[in-house]
PDB file of N, CA and C in Angstrom:
ATOM      1  N   MET A   1    -102.539 120.780  92.931  1.00  0.00           N
ATOM      2  CA  MET A   1    -101.879 122.012  93.037  1.00  0.00           C
ATOM      3  C   MET A   1    -100.270 121.656  93.615  1.00  0.00           C
ATOM      4  N   VAL A   2     -99.165 122.331  93.348  1.00  0.00           N
ATOM      5  CA  VAL A   2     -98.000 122.312  93.873  1.00  0.00           C
ATOM      6  C   VAL A   2     -97.251 123.696  93.827  1.00  0.00           C
ATOM      7  N   GLU A   3     -96.743 124.468  94.967  1.00  0.00           N
ATOM      8  CA  GLU A   3     -96.456 125.760  95.384  1.00  0.00           C
ATOM      9  C   GLU A   3     -94.953 125.606  96.052  1.00  0.00           C
ATOM     10  N   ASN A   4     -94.244 126.592  95.781  1.00  0.00           N
ATOM     11  CA  ASN A   4     -92.916 126.726  96.310  1.00  0.00           C
ATOM     12  C   ASN A   4     -92.120 125.676  95.712  1.00  0.00           C
ATOM     13  N   ALA A   5     -91.683 125.147  94.378  1.00  0.00           N
ATOM     14  CA  ALA A   5     -91.522 124.194  94.139  1.00  0.00           C
ATOM     15  C   ALA A   5     -90.145 124.645  93.820  1.00  0.00           C
ATOM     16  N   GLU A   6     -88.839 123.621  93.511  1.00  0.00           N
ATOM     17  CA  GLU A   6     -88.012 124.512  92.853  1.00  0.00           C
ATOM     18  C   GLU A   6     -87.189 122.986  91.760  1.00  0.00           C
ATOM     19  N   GLY A   7     -85.678 123.404  90.780  1.00  0.00           N
ATOM     20  CA  GLY A   7     -85.725 121.781  90.445  1.00  0.00           C
ATOM     21  C   GLY A   7     -86.799 122.283  88.963  1.00  0.00           C
ATOM     22  N   THR A   8     -86.884 120.913  88.768  1.00  0.00           N
ATOM     23  CA  THR A   8     -87.635 120.344  87.460  1.00  0.00           C
ATOM     24  C   THR A   8     -88.858 120.258  88.101  1.00  0.00           C
ATOM     25  N   LEU A   9     -90.074 120.014  87.011  1.00  0.00           N
ATOM     26  CA  LEU A   9     -91.409 120.101  87.288  1.00  0.00           C
ATOM     27  C   LEU A   9     -91.444 118.859  87.456  1.00  0.00           C
ATOM     28  N   MET A  10     -90.430 118.004  87.104  1.00  0.00           N
ATOM     29  CA  MET A  10     -90.519 116.219  87.668  1.00  0.00           C
ATOM     30  C   MET A  10     -90.364 116.100  88.938  1.00  0.00           C
ATOM     31  N   HIS A  11     -89.144 117.025  89.103  1.00  0.00           N
ATOM     32  CA  HIS A  11     -88.460 116.824  90.636  1.00  0.00           C
ATOM     33  C   HIS A  11     -89.639 116.815  91.316  1.00  0.00           C
ATOM     34  N   ALA A  12     -90.315 118.294  91.511  1.00  0.00           N
ATOM     35  CA  ALA A  12     -91.271 118.830  91.862  1.00  0.00           C
ATOM     36  C   ALA A  12     -92.655 117.551  92.110  1.00  0.00           C
ATOM     37  N   ALA A  13     -92.825 117.360  90.736  1.00  0.00           N
ATOM     38  CA  ALA A  13     -94.124 116.568  90.927  1.00  0.00           C
ATOM     39  C   ALA A  13     -94.152 114.949  91.773  1.00  0.00           C
ATOM     40  N   VAL A  14     -92.685 114.823  91.697  1.00  0.00           N
ATOM     41  CA  VAL A  14     -92.332 113.288  92.295  1.00  0.00           C
ATOM     42  C   VAL A  14     -92.287 113.684  94.027  1.00  0.00           C
ATOM     43  N   GLU A  15     -92.105 114.829  94.600  1.00  0.00           N
ATOM     44  CA  GLU A  15     -91.804 115.151  96.195  1.00  0.00           C
ATOM     45  C   GLU A  15     -92.880 115.971  96.605  1.00  0.00           C
ATOM     46  N   ASN A  16     -94.245 115.833  95.309  1.00  0.00           N
ATOM     47  CA  ASN A  16     -95.041 116.328  96.223  1.00  0.00           C
ATOM     48  C   ASN A  16     -96.167 115.123  95.694  1.00  0.00           C
ATOM     49  N   GLN A  17     -95.892 113.619  95.198  1.00  0.00           N
ATOM     50  CA  GLN A  17     -96.780 112.540  95.055  1.00  0.00           C
ATOM     51  C   GLN A  17     -97.891 113.121  93.927  1.00  0.00           C
ATOM     52  N   VAL A  18     -97.428 113.783  93.601  1.00  0.00           N
ATOM     53  CA  VAL A  18     -98.603 114.227  92.227  1.00  0.00           C
ATOM     54  C   VAL A  18     -98.623 112.803  91.406  1.00  0.00           C
ATOM     55  N   GLU A  19    -100.009 112.450  91.100  1.00  0.00           N
ATOM     56  CA  GLU A  19    -100.311 111.152  90.878  1.00  0.00           C
ATOM     57  C   GLU A  19    -100.166 111.278  89.087  1.00  0.00           C
ATOM     58  N   GLY A  20     -99.597 110.374  88.819  1.00  0.00           N
ATOM     59  CA  GLY A  20     -98.868 109.759  87.044  1.00  0.00           C
ATOM     60  C   GLY A  20     -97.761 110.593  86.799  1.00  0.00           C
ATOM     61  N   ILE A  21     -97.064 111.110  87.629  1.00  0.00           N
ATOM     62  CA  ILE A  21     -95.447 111.378  87.318  1.00  0.00           C
ATOM     63  C   ILE A  21     -94.951 110.138  88.062  1.00  0.00           C
ATOM     64  N   ASP A  22     -94.115 109.349  87.594  1.00  0.00           N
ATOM     65  CA  ASP A  22     -92.392 108.570  88.321  1.00  0.00           C
ATOM     66  C   ASP A  22     -91.753 108.816  88.050  1.00  0.00           C
ATOM     67  N   GLY A  23     -91.315 109.691  87.212  1.00  0.00           N
ATOM     68  CA  GLY A  23     -89.626 109.804  87.287  1.00  0.00           C
ATOM     69  C   GLY A  23     -88.812 108.654  87.167  1.00  0.00           C
ATOM     70  N   ASP A  24     -88.999 107.521  86.356  1.00  0.00           N
ATOM     71  CA  ASP A  24     -88.187 106.807  86.827  1.00  0.00           C
ATOM     72  C   ASP A  24     -86.603 106.344  86.797  1.00  0.00           C
ATOM     73  N   CYS A  25     -86.425 107.232  85.713  1.00  0.00           N
ATOM     74  CA  CYS A  25     -85.061 107.456  85.204  1.00  0.00           C
ATOM     75  C   CYS A  25     -84.020 108.831  85.918  1.00  0.00           C
ATOM     76  N   GLY A  26     -85.068 109.060  87.179  1.00  0.00           N
ATOM     77  CA  GLY A  26     -84.392 109.753  87.785  1.00  0.00           C
ATOM     78  C   GLY A  26     -84.205 111.596  87.097  1.00  0.00           C
ATOM     79  N   GLY A  27     -84.898 111.635  85.964  1.00  0.00           N
ATOM     80  CA  GLY A  27     -84.550 112.974  85.301  1.00  0.00           C
ATOM     81  C   GLY A  27     -83.869 113.361  83.822  1.00  0.00           C
ATOM     82  N   VAL A  28     -83.200 111.954  83.670  1.00  0.00           N
ATOM     83  CA  VAL A  28     -82.007 112.066  82.711  1.00  0.00           C
ATOM     84  C   VAL A  28     -82.679 111.834  81.223  1.00  0.00           C
ATOM     85  N   CYS A  29     -83.836 112.190  81.656  1.00  0.00           N
ATOM     86  CA  CYS A  29     -84.346 112.149  80.138  1.00  0.00           C
ATOM     87  C   CYS A  29     -84.328 111.211  79.098  1.00  0.00           C
ATOM     88  N   SER A  30     -84.556 109.565  80.111  1.00  0.00           N
ATOM     89  CA  SER A  30     -84.129 108.174  79.323  1.00  0.00           C
ATOM     90  C   SER A  30     -85.825 107.510  79.285  1.00  0.00           C
ATOM     91  N   CYS A  31     -86.638 107.871  79.948  1.00  0.00           N
ATOM     92  CA  CYS A  31     -88.092 107.464  80.273  1.00  0.00           C
ATOM     93  C   CYS A  31     -89.180 108.522  79.893  1.00  0.00           C
ATOM     94  N   ALA A  32     -90.576 108.554  80.134  1.00  0.00           N
ATOM     95  CA  ALA A  32     -91.358 109.189  79.260  1.00  0.00           C
ATOM     96  C   ALA A  32     -92.189 109.389  80.834  1.00  0.00           C
ATOM     97  N   THR A  33     -91.824 108.624  82.133  1.00  0.00           N
ATOM     98  CA  THR A  33     -93.240 108.567  82.751  1.00  0.00           C
ATOM     99  C   THR A  33     -93.040 109.874  83.845  1.00  0.00           C
ATOM    100  N   CYS A  34     -92.647 111.288  82.943  1.00  0.00           N
ATOM    101  CA  CYS A  34     -93.493 112.597  83.636  1.00  0.00           C
ATOM    102  C   CYS A  34     -93.836 113.108  82.747  1.00  0.00           C
ATOM    103  N   HIS A  35     -94.204 112.643  81.144  1.00  0.00           N
ATOM    104  CA  HIS A  35     -95.105 113.281  80.442  1.00  0.00           C
ATOM    105  C   HIS A  35     -95.888 114.143  80.590  1.00  0.00           C
ATOM    106  N   VAL A  36     -95.703 115.366  80.433  1.00  0.00           N
ATOM    107  CA  VAL A  36     -96.911 116.655  81.167  1.00  0.00           C
ATOM    108  C   VAL A  36     -97.432 117.104  79.272  1.00  0.00           C
ATOM    109  N   HIS A  37     -98.787 117.568  79.423  1.00  0.00           N
ATOM    110  CA  HIS A  37     -98.997 118.612  77.761  1.00  0.00           C
ATOM    111  C   HIS A  37     -99.057 120.207  79.246  1.00  0.00           C
ATOM    112  N   ILE A  38     -98.355 121.087  78.180  1.00  0.00           N
ATOM    113  CA  ILE A  38     -97.745 122.277  78.922  1.00  0.00           C
ATOM    114  C   ILE A  38     -99.085 123.265  78.303  1.00  0.00           C
ATOM    115  N   ASP A  39    -100.120 123.797  79.168  1.00  0.00           N
ATOM    116  CA  ASP A  39    -100.978 124.158  78.859  1.00  0.00           C
ATOM    117  C   ASP A  39    -100.373 125.490  77.806  1.00  0.00           C
ATOM    118  N   PRO A  40    -101.433 125.224  76.973  1.00  0.00           N
ATOM    119  CA  PRO A  40    -101.250 126.253  75.412  1.00  0.00           C
ATOM    120  C   PRO A  40    -100.346 127.856  76.108  1.00  0.00           C
ATOM    121  N   ALA A  41    -101.219 128.148  77.080  1.00  0.00           N
ATOM    122  CA  ALA A  41    -101.326 129.203  77.258  1.00  0.00           C
ATOM    123  C   ALA A  41     -99.660 130.127  78.095  1.00  0.00           C
ATOM    124  N   TRP A  42     -98.674 128.775  78.474  1.00  0.00           N
ATOM    125  CA  TRP A  42     -97.821 128.877  79.240  1.00  0.00           C
ATOM    126  C   TRP A  42     -96.940 128.264  77.717  1.00  0.00           C
ATOM    127  N   ALA A  43     -96.805 127.563  76.971  1.00  0.00           N
ATOM    128  CA  ALA A  43     -96.187 126.822  75.968  1.00  0.00           C
ATOM    129  C   ALA A  43     -94.976 128.014  75.622  1.00  0.00           C
ATOM    130  N   ASP A  44     -95.176 129.025  75.205  1.00  0.00           N
ATOM    131  CA  ASP A  44     -93.581 129.842  74.386  1.00  0.00           C
ATOM    132  C   ASP A  44     -93.119 129.800  75.839  1.00  0.00           C
ATOM    133  N   LYS A  45     -93.654 130.251  76.756  1.00  0.00           N
ATOM    134  CA  LYS A  45     -92.673 130.404  78.127  1.00  0.00           C
ATOM    135  C   LYS A  45     -91.772 129.256  78.274  1.00  0.00           C
ATOM    136  N   VAL A  46     -92.617 128.436  78.481  1.00  0.00           N
ATOM    137  CA  VAL A  46     -91.831 127.173  78.746  1.00  0.00           C
ATOM    138  C   VAL A  46     -90.586 126.554  77.986  1.00  0.00           C
ATOM    139  N   GLY A  47     -91.041 126.851  76.630  1.00  0.00           N
ATOM    140  CA  GLY A  47     -90.270 126.541  74.862  1.00  0.00           C
ATOM    141  C   GLY A  47     -90.889 124.947  74.726  1.00  0.00           C
ATOM    142  N   PRO A  48     -89.996 124.511  73.358  1.00  0.00           N
ATOM    143  CA  PRO A  48     -89.937 123.893  72.788  1.00  0.00           C
ATOM    144  C   PRO A  48     -89.369 122.143  73.611  1.00  0.00           C
ATOM    145  N   ALA A  49     -89.720 121.158  73.252  1.00  0.00           N
ATOM    146  CA  ALA A  49     -88.800 119.992  73.214  1.00  0.00           C
ATOM    147  C   ALA A  49     -87.848 119.953  72.606  1.00  0.00           C
ATOM    148  N   THR A  50     -86.622 119.751  73.314  1.00  0.00           N
ATOM    149  CA  THR A  50     -85.560 119.189  72.871  1.00  0.00           C
ATOM    150  C   THR A  50     -85.840 117.701  71.943  1.00  0.00           C
ATOM    151  N   GLU A  51     -84.655 117.858  71.167  1.00  0.00           N
ATOM    152  CA  GLU A  51     -84.236 116.524  70.263  1.00  0.00           C
ATOM    153  C   GLU A  51     -84.251 115.415  71.038  1.00  0.00           C
ATOM    154  N   ALA A  52     -83.768 115.188  72.206  1.00  0.00           N
ATOM    155  CA  ALA A  52     -83.935 114.288  72.881  1.00  0.00           C
ATOM    156  C   ALA A  52     -84.780 113.626  73.735  1.00  0.00           C
ATOM    157  N   GLU A  53     -85.355 114.811  73.846  1.00  0.00           N
ATOM    158  CA  GLU A  53     -87.415 114.660  74.362  1.00  0.00           C
ATOM    159  C   GLU A  53     -88.326 114.408  73.642  1.00  0.00           C
ATOM    160  N   GLU A  54     -88.042 114.843  72.175  1.00  0.00           N
ATOM    161  CA  GLU A  54     -88.509 114.154  71.416  1.00  0.00           C
ATOM    162  C   GLU A  54     -88.525 113.035  70.766  1.00  0.00           C
ATOM    163  N   GLY A  55     -87.129 112.483  70.611  1.00  0.00           N
ATOM    164  CA  GLY A  55     -86.775 110.902  70.716  1.00  0.00           C
ATOM    165  C   GLY A  55     -88.036 110.012  72.028  1.00  0.00           C
ATOM    166  N   MET A  56     -87.728 110.574  72.905  1.00  0.00           N
ATOM    167  CA  MET A  56     -88.621 109.829  74.161  1.00  0.00           C
ATOM    168  C   MET A  56     -89.987 109.753  73.759  1.00  0.00           C
ATOM    169  N   LEU A  57     -90.379 110.921  73.518  1.00  0.00           N
ATOM    170  CA  LEU A  57     -91.960 111.187  73.306  1.00  0.00           C
ATOM    171  C   LEU A  57     -92.386 110.551  71.592  1.00  0.00           C
ATOM    172  N   GLU A  58     -92.075 110.027  70.841  1.00  0.00           N
ATOM    173  CA  GLU A  58     -92.274 109.341  69.734  1.00  0.00           C
ATOM    174  C   GLU A  58     -92.584 107.946  70.320  1.00  0.00           C
ATOM    175  N   LEU A  59     -92.186 107.685  71.660  1.00  0.00           N
ATOM    176  CA  LEU A  59     -92.622 106.185  71.787  1.00  0.00           C
ATOM    177  C   LEU A  59     -93.793 106.170  72.168  1.00  0.00           C
ATOM    178  N   GLU A  60     -94.483 107.285  73.013  1.00  0.00           N
ATOM    179  CA  GLU A  60     -95.416 107.355  73.877  1.00  0.00           C
ATOM    180  C   GLU A  60     -96.680 107.802  73.135  1.00  0.00           C
ATOM    181  N   ASP A  61     -98.201 107.196  73.983  1.00  0.00           N
ATOM    182  CA  ASP A  61     -99.332 107.464  73.402  1.00  0.00           C
ATOM    183  C   ASP A  61     -99.566 109.108  73.694  1.00  0.00           C
ATOM    184  N   ASP A  62    -100.766 109.654  73.241  1.00  0.00           N
ATOM    185  CA  ASP A  62    -101.430 110.796  73.920  1.00  0.00           C
ATOM    186  C   ASP A  62     -99.926 112.368  73.981  1.00  0.00           C
ATOM    187  N   VAL A  63     -98.861 112.092  72.437  1.00  0.00           N
ATOM    188  CA  VAL A  63     -98.409 113.365  71.740  1.00  0.00           C
ATOM    189  C   VAL A  63     -99.006 114.349  71.360  1.00  0.00           C
ATOM    190  N   ALA A  64     -99.049 115.780  72.170  1.00  0.00           N
ATOM    191  CA  ALA A  64     -99.402 116.479  71.682  1.00  0.00           C
ATOM    192  C   ALA A  64     -98.272 117.104  71.514  1.00  0.00           C
ATOM    193  N   PRO A  65     -98.955 118.655  70.562  1.00  0.00           N
ATOM    194  CA  PRO A  65     -97.868 119.699  69.917  1.00  0.00           C
ATOM    195  C   PRO A  65     -96.908 120.417  71.747  1.00  0.00           C
ATOM    196  N   THR A  66     -97.882 120.459  72.968  1.00  0.00           N
ATOM    197  CA  THR A  66     -97.112 121.052  73.887  1.00  0.00           C
ATOM    198  C   THR A  66     -96.622 120.158  74.710  1.00  0.00           C
ATOM    199  N   SER A  67     -96.137 118.759  74.347  1.00  0.00           N
ATOM    200  CA  SER A  67     -95.980 117.833  74.468  1.00  0.00           C
ATOM    201  C   SER A  67     -94.558 117.716  75.388  1.00  0.00           C
ATOM    202  N   ARG A  68     -94.001 117.694  76.719  1.00  0.00           N
ATOM    203  CA  ARG A  68     -92.861 118.096  77.424  1.00  0.00           C
ATOM    204  C   ARG A  68     -92.261 116.790  78.510  1.00  0.00           C
ATOM    205  N   LEU A  69     -91.150 116.330  78.744  1.00  0.00           N
ATOM    206  CA  LEU A  69     -91.078 116.207  79.657  1.00  0.00           C
ATOM    207  C   LEU A  69     -90.712 116.977  81.043  1.00  0.00           C
ATOM    208  N   GLY A  70     -91.330 116.148  81.906  1.00  0.00           N
ATOM    209  CA  GLY A  70     -90.971 117.506  83.330  1.00  0.00           C
ATOM    210  C   GLY A  70     -89.990 117.288  83.254  1.00  0.00           C
ATOM    211  N   CYS A  71     -88.793 115.939  83.106  1.00  0.00           N
ATOM    212  CA  CYS A  71     -87.544 116.383  83.980  1.00  0.00           C
ATOM    213  C   CYS A  71     -87.113 117.302  82.730  1.00  0.00           C
ATOM    214  N   GLN A  72     -87.034 117.721  82.068  1.00  0.00           N
ATOM    215  CA  GLN A  72     -86.586 118.734  80.939  1.00  0.00           C
ATOM    216  C   GLN A  72     -87.059 119.751  81.478  1.00  0.00           C
ATOM    217  N   VAL A  73     -88.349 120.209  82.017  1.00  0.00           N
ATOM    218  CA  VAL A  73     -88.555 121.503  82.307  1.00  0.00           C
ATOM    219  C   VAL A  73     -88.081 122.251  83.737  1.00  0.00           C
ATOM    220  N   LYS A  74     -87.402 123.129  83.759  1.00  0.00           N
ATOM    221  CA  LYS A  74     -86.344 123.981  84.738  1.00  0.00           C
ATOM    222  C   LYS A  74     -87.360 124.572  85.455  1.00  0.00           C
ATOM    223  N   LEU A  75     -87.907 124.818  86.357  1.00  0.00           N
ATOM    224  CA  LEU A  75     -88.742 125.824  87.082  1.00  0.00           C
ATOM    225  C   LEU A  75     -87.887 127.216  87.442  1.00  0.00           C
ATOM    226  N   THR A  76     -88.126 128.334  86.973  1.00  0.00           N
ATOM    227  CA  THR A  76     -87.726 129.419  87.023  1.00  0.00           C
ATOM    228  C   THR A  76     -88.564 130.254  87.677  1.00  0.00           C
ATOM    229  N   PRO A  77     -88.571 131.520  87.676  1.00  0.00           N
ATOM    230  CA  PRO A  77     -89.537 132.549  89.099  1.00  0.00           C
ATOM    231  C   PRO A  77     -90.749 132.686  87.235  1.00  0.00           C
ATOM    232  N   GLU A  78     -90.337 132.917  85.816  1.00  0.00           N
ATOM    233  CA  GLU A  78     -91.115 133.186  84.967  1.00  0.00           C
ATOM    234  C   GLU A  78     -92.198 131.917  84.397  1.00  0.00           C
ATOM    235  N   LEU A  79     -91.998 131.043  85.015  1.00  0.00           N
ATOM    236  CA  LEU A  79     -92.936 129.617  85.206  1.00  0.00           C
ATOM    237  C   LEU A  79     -93.660 129.439  86.327  1.00  0.00           C
ATOM    238  N   ASP A  80     -93.829 130.521  87.407  1.00  0.00           N
ATOM    239  CA  ASP A  80     -94.406 130.440  88.669  1.00  0.00           C
ATOM    240  C   ASP A  80     -96.032 130.177  88.185  1.00  0.00           C
ATOM    241  N   GLY A  81     -96.801 129.899  88.348  1.00  0.00           N
ATOM    242  CA  GLY A  81     -97.959 129.461  87.778  1.00  0.00           C
ATOM    243  C   GLY A  81     -98.423 128.925  86.857  1.00  0.00           C
ATOM    244  N   VAL A  82     -97.394 128.231  86.145  1.00  0.00           N
ATOM    245  CA  VAL A  82     -97.212 127.153  85.161  1.00  0.00           C
ATOM    246  C   VAL A  82     -98.444 126.125  85.291  1.00  0.00           C
ATOM    247  N   VAL A  83     -99.292 125.870  84.100  1.00  0.00           N
ATOM    248  CA  VAL A  83    -100.482 124.948  84.116  1.00  0.00           C
ATOM    249  C   VAL A  83    -100.148 123.832  83.157  1.00  0.00           C
ATOM    250  N   VAL A  84    -100.210 122.406  83.893  1.00  0.00           N
ATOM    251  CA  VAL A  84     -99.837 121.322  83.341  1.00  0.00           C
ATOM    252  C   VAL A  84    -100.668 120.335  83.324  1.00  0.00           C
ATOM    253  N   ARG A  85    -101.264 119.416  82.225  1.00  0.00           N
ATOM    254  CA  ARG A  85    -101.654 118.368  82.432  1.00  0.00           C
ATOM    255  C   ARG A  85    -101.233 117.288  82.708  1.00  0.00           C
ATOM    256  N   VAL A  86    -101.033 115.969  83.700  1.00  0.00           N
ATOM    257  CA  VAL A  86    -100.466 115.019  83.458  1.00  0.00           C
ATOM    258  C   VAL A  86    -100.751 113.694  82.596  1.00  0.00           C
ATOM    259  N   VAL A  87    -100.149 113.540  81.814  1.00  0.00           N
ATOM    260  CA  VAL A  87    -100.764 112.187  81.073  1.00  0.00           C
ATOM    261  C   VAL A  87    -101.348 111.008  81.413  1.00  0.00           C
ATOM    262  N   GLY A  88    -102.698 111.020  81.193  1.00  0.00           N
ATOM    263  CA  GLY A  88    -102.883 109.189  81.515  1.00  0.00           C
ATOM    264  C   GLY A  88    -102.251 108.346  81.481  1.00  0.00           C
ATOM    265  N   ARG A  89    -102.050 107.506  82.090  1.00  0.00           N
ATOM    266  CA  ARG A  89    -101.126 105.822  81.918  1.00  0.00           C
ATOM    267  C   ARG A  89    -102.238 104.928  82.129  1.00  0.00           C
TER     268      ARG A  89
END
């Protein structure tokens, strides 16, 4: 669990040493080392993947309808409590 996070989901995970989130590209959507599955109950609030994300996710295993790259999910007050699953590597 990460509390009081700001920025993007990926940055919050890296700063809090969440296992499985590497963020190798630094958050510019050019890798998928921050691939997560958004809990279905939160999917609408988080929103869909962008075209750039979809392109990166096409190269990944274990892609689901709620797959997102954490670097592209901006943490907002509306996402307080968001639940995600880190995709195993």
